Amino acid sequence: MTTTEQTPLQRVVKQYEERMCGKWKPNNRFYNEIGINQKRFGMLMRGKLPIYAFEAKSLSDFFKVPVTDLF
């Protein structure tokens, strides 16, 4: 049995989905609003790249969570 640890961004998205009572799928409007392209967002979700401060601020504003939840 393998356990995969979630990245902080994955946890924030999961909490957002729980609050919204459904699956969330980012769209072009989301990417434009937060200023991160689709490829980079995917890499951030998987923990392949470090998150920059301006990205954390944009994501925390969008998901309505403290910035510290993203680190």
N, C-alpha and C. Protein backbone atom coordinates (compact mmCIF):
# COMPACT_ATOMS: atom_id res chain seq x y z
N MET A 1 0.84 -1.18 0.00
CA MET A 1 0.00 0.00 0.00
C MET A 1 0.89 1.24 0.00
N THR A 2 0.66 2.12 -0.93
CA THR A 2 1.46 3.34 -0.99
C THR A 2 0.62 4.52 -0.54
N THR A 3 1.25 5.39 0.20
CA THR A 3 0.56 6.61 0.62
C THR A 3 1.25 7.78 -0.06
N THR A 4 0.46 8.62 -0.65
CA THR A 4 1.03 9.79 -1.29
C THR A 4 0.69 11.01 -0.46
N GLU A 5 1.71 11.73 -0.11
CA GLU A 5 1.52 12.93 0.68
C GLU A 5 1.08 14.06 -0.23
N GLN A 6 0.08 14.79 0.19
CA GLN A 6 -0.43 15.90 -0.62
C GLN A 6 0.45 17.12 -0.44
N THR A 7 0.57 17.90 -1.51
CA THR A 7 1.27 19.18 -1.41
C THR A 7 0.33 20.17 -0.72
N PRO A 8 0.89 21.25 -0.18
CA PRO A 8 0.02 22.26 0.45
C PRO A 8 -1.06 22.77 -0.52
N LEU A 9 -0.72 22.97 -1.78
CA LEU A 9 -1.70 23.46 -2.75
C LEU A 9 -2.79 22.41 -2.99
N GLN A 10 -2.42 21.16 -3.03
CA GLN A 10 -3.43 20.10 -3.19
C GLN A 10 -4.40 20.09 -2.01
N ARG A 11 -3.87 20.30 -0.80
CA ARG A 11 -4.73 20.36 0.37
C ARG A 11 -5.69 21.54 0.31
N VAL A 12 -5.19 22.69 -0.13
CA VAL A 12 -6.03 23.89 -0.24
C VAL A 12 -7.13 23.67 -1.27
N VAL A 13 -6.79 23.06 -2.41
CA VAL A 13 -7.79 22.80 -3.44
C VAL A 13 -8.83 21.82 -2.91
N LYS A 14 -8.39 20.80 -2.19
CA LYS A 14 -9.34 19.82 -1.64
C LYS A 14 -10.29 20.48 -0.64
N GLN A 15 -9.76 21.35 0.21
CA GLN A 15 -10.61 22.08 1.16
C GLN A 15 -11.60 22.97 0.41
N TYR A 16 -11.15 23.60 -0.66
CA TYR A 16 -12.02 24.45 -1.48
C TYR A 16 -13.15 23.62 -2.08
N GLU A 17 -12.82 22.45 -2.59
CA GLU A 17 -13.84 21.57 -3.17
C GLU A 17 -14.85 21.14 -2.12
N GLU A 18 -14.37 20.88 -0.90
CA GLU A 18 -15.28 20.49 0.18
C GLU A 18 -16.22 21.64 0.54
N ARG A 19 -15.69 22.87 0.54
CA ARG A 19 -16.54 24.03 0.83
C ARG A 19 -17.57 24.26 -0.29
N MET A 20 -17.16 23.98 -1.53
CA MET A 20 -18.03 24.20 -2.69
C MET A 20 -18.93 22.99 -2.96
N CYS A 21 -18.72 21.91 -2.23
CA CYS A 21 -19.51 20.68 -2.37
C CYS A 21 -19.47 20.13 -3.79
N GLY A 22 -18.29 20.07 -4.34
CA GLY A 22 -18.15 19.50 -5.68
C GLY A 22 -16.74 19.60 -6.19
N LYS A 23 -16.51 18.95 -7.32
CA LYS A 23 -15.20 18.95 -7.97
C LYS A 23 -14.95 20.30 -8.61
N TRP A 24 -13.75 20.81 -8.44
CA TRP A 24 -13.35 22.09 -9.03
C TRP A 24 -12.39 21.84 -10.18
N LYS A 25 -12.63 22.52 -11.29
CA LYS A 25 -11.74 22.40 -12.45
C LYS A 25 -11.34 23.80 -12.88
N PRO A 26 -10.05 24.11 -12.84
CA PRO A 26 -9.62 25.46 -13.24
C PRO A 26 -9.92 25.71 -14.72
N ASN A 27 -10.22 26.98 -15.03
CA ASN A 27 -10.47 27.35 -16.41
C ASN A 27 -9.58 28.54 -16.77
N ASN A 28 -9.68 29.02 -18.00
CA ASN A 28 -8.82 30.13 -18.45
C ASN A 28 -9.03 31.39 -17.61
N ARG A 29 -10.23 31.64 -17.20
CA ARG A 29 -10.51 32.81 -16.36
C ARG A 29 -9.71 32.72 -15.05
N PHE A 30 -9.68 31.53 -14.45
CA PHE A 30 -8.91 31.32 -13.22
C PHE A 30 -7.44 31.61 -13.46
N TYR A 31 -6.88 31.04 -14.52
CA TYR A 31 -5.45 31.25 -14.80
C TYR A 31 -5.14 32.72 -15.03
N ASN A 32 -6.01 33.42 -15.74
CA ASN A 32 -5.80 34.85 -15.98
C ASN A 32 -5.90 35.65 -14.68
N GLU A 33 -6.85 35.29 -13.84
CA GLU A 33 -7.06 36.00 -12.59
C GLU A 33 -5.87 35.86 -11.64
N ILE A 34 -5.32 34.67 -11.55
CA ILE A 34 -4.21 34.47 -10.60
C ILE A 34 -2.84 34.74 -11.23
N GLY A 35 -2.78 34.83 -12.55
CA GLY A 35 -1.52 35.16 -13.21
C GLY A 35 -0.53 34.01 -13.28
N ILE A 36 -1.03 32.79 -13.32
CA ILE A 36 -0.18 31.59 -13.44
C ILE A 36 -0.72 30.79 -14.61
N ASN A 37 0.17 30.33 -15.49
CA ASN A 37 -0.33 29.55 -16.61
C ASN A 37 -0.63 28.11 -16.18
N GLN A 38 -1.33 27.41 -17.05
CA GLN A 38 -1.82 26.06 -16.75
C GLN A 38 -0.69 25.09 -16.43
N LYS A 39 0.37 25.15 -17.20
CA LYS A 39 1.49 24.22 -16.98
C LYS A 39 2.15 24.47 -15.61
N ARG A 40 2.40 25.74 -15.29
CA ARG A 40 3.03 26.05 -14.00
C ARG A 40 2.11 25.67 -12.85
N PHE A 41 0.81 25.94 -12.98
CA PHE A 41 -0.12 25.58 -11.92
C PHE A 41 -0.09 24.07 -11.67
N GLY A 42 -0.07 23.28 -12.74
CA GLY A 42 0.01 21.83 -12.60
C GLY A 42 1.27 21.39 -11.89
N MET A 43 2.38 22.04 -12.22
CA MET A 43 3.65 21.70 -11.58
C MET A 43 3.63 22.12 -10.10
N LEU A 44 2.99 23.24 -9.80
CA LEU A 44 2.85 23.66 -8.39
C LEU A 44 1.98 22.67 -7.63
N MET A 45 0.91 22.21 -8.27
CA MET A 45 0.03 21.23 -7.63
C MET A 45 0.78 19.95 -7.27
N ARG A 46 1.67 19.52 -8.17
CA ARG A 46 2.42 18.29 -7.93
C ARG A 46 3.65 18.50 -7.06
N GLY A 47 3.95 19.75 -6.72
CA GLY A 47 5.11 20.04 -5.88
C GLY A 47 6.42 19.97 -6.63
N LYS A 48 6.38 20.13 -7.96
CA LYS A 48 7.59 20.04 -8.78
C LYS A 48 8.35 21.36 -8.81
N LEU A 49 7.67 22.47 -8.52
CA LEU A 49 8.30 23.79 -8.52
C LEU A 49 7.98 24.50 -7.21
N PRO A 50 8.88 25.39 -6.77
CA PRO A 50 8.57 26.17 -5.57
C PRO A 50 7.56 27.27 -5.92
N ILE A 51 6.72 27.61 -4.97
CA ILE A 51 5.73 28.65 -5.19
C ILE A 51 6.34 30.00 -4.83
N TYR A 52 6.13 30.99 -5.70
CA TYR A 52 6.63 32.34 -5.45
C TYR A 52 5.63 33.10 -4.58
N ALA A 53 6.12 34.14 -3.92
CA ALA A 53 5.27 34.91 -3.00
C ALA A 53 4.05 35.49 -3.71
N PHE A 54 4.22 36.06 -4.91
CA PHE A 54 3.08 36.66 -5.60
C PHE A 54 2.06 35.59 -6.01
N GLU A 55 2.54 34.39 -6.31
CA GLU A 55 1.62 33.29 -6.64
C GLU A 55 0.84 32.87 -5.40
N ALA A 56 1.55 32.75 -4.28
CA ALA A 56 0.89 32.37 -3.03
C ALA A 56 -0.17 33.39 -2.65
N LYS A 57 0.14 34.67 -2.83
CA LYS A 57 -0.83 35.73 -2.51
C LYS A 57 -2.05 35.62 -3.41
N SER A 58 -1.85 35.45 -4.71
CA SER A 58 -2.97 35.32 -5.65
C SER A 58 -3.82 34.10 -5.32
N LEU A 59 -3.17 32.98 -5.05
CA LEU A 59 -3.90 31.74 -4.75
C LEU A 59 -4.64 31.84 -3.41
N SER A 60 -4.01 32.47 -2.42
CA SER A 60 -4.69 32.60 -1.13
C SER A 60 -5.91 33.51 -1.25
N ASP A 61 -5.81 34.55 -2.07
CA ASP A 61 -6.97 35.42 -2.30
C ASP A 61 -8.08 34.66 -3.02
N PHE A 62 -7.72 33.88 -4.02
CA PHE A 62 -8.73 33.14 -4.78
C PHE A 62 -9.42 32.10 -3.92
N PHE A 63 -8.64 31.28 -3.22
CA PHE A 63 -9.19 30.19 -2.43
C PHE A 63 -9.66 30.64 -1.03
N LYS A 64 -9.39 31.91 -0.70
CA LYS A 64 -9.80 32.48 0.59
C LYS A 64 -9.24 31.69 1.77
N VAL A 65 -7.91 31.51 1.71
CA VAL A 65 -7.19 30.85 2.80
C VAL A 65 -5.99 31.72 3.15
N PRO A 66 -5.42 31.55 4.35
CA PRO A 66 -4.20 32.28 4.69
C PRO A 66 -3.04 31.84 3.79
N VAL A 67 -2.15 32.78 3.50
CA VAL A 67 -0.99 32.47 2.66
C VAL A 67 -0.18 31.33 3.25
N THR A 68 -0.11 31.26 4.56
CA THR A 68 0.70 30.22 5.22
C THR A 68 0.19 28.81 4.91
N ASP A 69 -1.07 28.66 4.51
CA ASP A 69 -1.59 27.33 4.16
C ASP A 69 -0.94 26.80 2.88
N LEU A 70 -0.31 27.66 2.11
CA LEU A 70 0.28 27.25 0.84
C LEU A 70 1.75 26.88 0.97
N PHE A 71 2.30 26.95 2.18
CA PHE A 71 3.72 26.60 2.39
C PHE A 71 3.85 25.41 3.30
